[in-house]
């Protein structure tokens, strides 16, 4: 299975941090979110509250998504990650292409939470 990796820093602010993970291009996917090593959520991720800034400083948010090509028109896969509540809202995008219709791809993202 092909893989795509993304790593970025996210500056904390005064508000709780929210994470949304969107599978794009009309493809099918599911995600698993961990805060350091503790599982926070799996499945569809929308406005998942990761915690308050004081408890998040120095931690890593790890997102693993498996996306399957279900559209005949394209083999392009996209995962969009939106972090909100920090110093500013930020959006990160990871993309990939599978060779054959019906193939899957693993997307990994790590967000380093900075205080």
Protein backbone atom coordinates (compact mmCIF):
# COMPACT_ATOMS: atom_id res chain seq x y z
CA UNK A 1 0.00 0.00 0.00
CA UNK A 2 1.31 3.43 -0.93
CA UNK A 3 1.84 6.02 1.80
CA UNK A 4 1.82 9.80 2.11
CA UNK A 5 3.31 11.58 5.12
CA UNK A 6 2.88 15.09 6.47
CA UNK A 7 4.42 16.73 9.56
CA UNK A 8 3.83 20.29 10.72
CA UNK A 9 3.92 22.50 13.82
CA UNK A 10 0.76 24.10 15.20
CA UNK A 11 0.96 27.10 17.52
CA UNK A 12 -1.44 26.92 20.46
CA UNK A 13 -3.57 29.91 21.46
CA UNK A 14 -6.04 30.58 24.26
CA UNK A 15 -8.89 28.34 23.03
CA UNK A 16 -9.31 24.55 22.96
CA UNK A 17 -7.92 22.98 19.79
CA UNK A 18 -10.34 21.38 17.32
CA UNK A 19 -9.41 18.97 14.53
CA UNK A 20 -11.38 18.18 11.37
CA UNK A 21 -10.20 15.57 8.85
CA UNK A 22 -11.85 15.57 5.41
CA UNK A 23 -11.45 12.88 2.75
CA UNK A 24 -11.63 14.63 -0.62
CA UNK A 25 -12.34 13.95 -4.28
CA UNK A 26 -15.46 11.93 -3.47
CA UNK A 27 -13.32 9.00 -2.32
CA UNK A 28 -13.95 6.76 0.70
CA UNK A 29 -11.84 6.86 3.85
CA UNK A 30 -11.66 6.54 7.60
CA UNK A 31 -9.27 7.99 10.18
CA UNK A 32 -7.74 7.28 13.58
CA UNK A 33 -6.55 10.16 15.82
CA UNK A 34 -4.09 9.77 18.67
CA UNK A 35 -2.85 12.40 21.11
CA UNK A 36 0.68 11.16 21.83
CA UNK A 37 -0.13 7.45 22.18
CA UNK A 38 -3.71 7.71 23.53
CA UNK A 39 -6.52 7.11 21.03
CA UNK A 40 -8.91 10.08 20.83
CA UNK A 41 -11.28 9.07 18.03
CA UNK A 42 -11.75 6.88 14.96
CA UNK A 43 -14.06 7.12 11.95
CA UNK A 44 -15.24 10.48 10.61
CA UNK A 45 -13.44 13.35 12.38
CA UNK A 46 -15.28 16.67 12.57
CA UNK A 47 -14.51 19.39 15.13
CA UNK A 48 -12.92 16.87 17.48
CA UNK A 49 -11.85 18.72 20.64
CA UNK A 50 -8.27 17.71 21.39
CA UNK A 51 -8.06 19.65 24.65
CA UNK A 52 -7.21 22.96 26.24
CA UNK A 53 -3.88 24.66 25.38
CA UNK A 54 -2.31 24.04 28.79
CA UNK A 55 -2.77 20.28 28.51
CA UNK A 56 -1.60 20.10 24.87
CA UNK A 57 1.72 21.97 24.95
CA UNK A 58 4.53 19.74 23.66
CA UNK A 59 2.23 16.91 22.57
CA UNK A 60 1.83 15.35 19.15
CA UNK A 61 -1.42 14.73 17.31
CA UNK A 62 -1.07 11.69 15.06
CA UNK A 63 -3.67 11.04 12.36
CA UNK A 64 -3.72 7.88 10.28
CA UNK A 65 -6.23 7.67 7.42
CA UNK A 66 -6.85 4.88 4.91
CA UNK A 67 -8.40 6.22 1.71
CA UNK A 68 -9.80 3.97 -1.04
CA UNK A 69 -10.34 5.00 -4.65
CA UNK A 70 -14.05 4.46 -5.36
CA UNK A 71 -14.49 6.87 -8.29
CA UNK A 72 -13.96 5.77 -11.87
CA UNK A 73 -13.16 9.34 -12.97
CA UNK A 74 -9.98 9.76 -10.92
CA UNK A 75 -7.39 7.86 -8.91
CA UNK A 76 -6.39 11.01 -7.04
CA UNK A 77 -6.76 10.94 -3.25
CA UNK A 78 -6.73 13.91 -0.86
CA UNK A 79 -6.91 14.31 2.90
CA UNK A 80 -7.40 17.79 4.39
CA UNK A 81 -6.64 18.51 8.04
CA UNK A 82 -8.01 21.65 9.71
CA UNK A 83 -6.77 22.75 13.13
CA UNK A 84 -8.70 25.53 14.86
CA UNK A 85 -8.51 27.31 18.21
CA UNK A 86 -4.78 27.96 18.17
CA UNK A 87 -2.97 31.20 17.41
CA UNK A 88 -4.65 30.97 13.99
CA UNK A 89 -6.72 28.36 12.18
CA UNK A 90 -4.63 26.35 9.73
CA UNK A 91 -5.39 23.90 6.95
CA UNK A 92 -2.97 21.24 5.72
CA UNK A 93 -3.46 19.07 2.63
CA UNK A 94 -1.90 15.74 1.74
CA UNK A 95 -2.41 14.20 -1.70
CA UNK A 96 -1.59 11.01 -3.55
CA UNK A 97 -2.48 8.94 -6.58
CA UNK A 98 -3.11 5.19 -6.71
CA UNK A 99 -2.27 3.16 -9.79
CA UNK A 100 -5.45 1.09 -10.09
CA UNK A 101 -9.15 1.65 -9.51
CA UNK A 102 -10.08 0.37 -6.07
CA UNK A 103 -6.58 0.70 -4.59
CA UNK A 104 -6.08 2.22 -1.14
CA UNK A 105 -3.48 4.56 0.25
CA UNK A 106 -2.32 5.24 3.81
CA UNK A 107 -2.03 8.89 4.89
CA UNK A 108 -0.08 9.75 8.05
CA UNK A 109 0.03 13.22 9.60
CA UNK A 110 1.80 14.46 12.72
CA UNK A 111 1.08 17.86 14.23
CA UNK A 112 3.53 19.12 16.87
CA UNK A 113 1.64 21.32 19.33
CA UNK A 114 3.75 24.31 20.36
CA UNK A 115 3.04 26.58 23.32
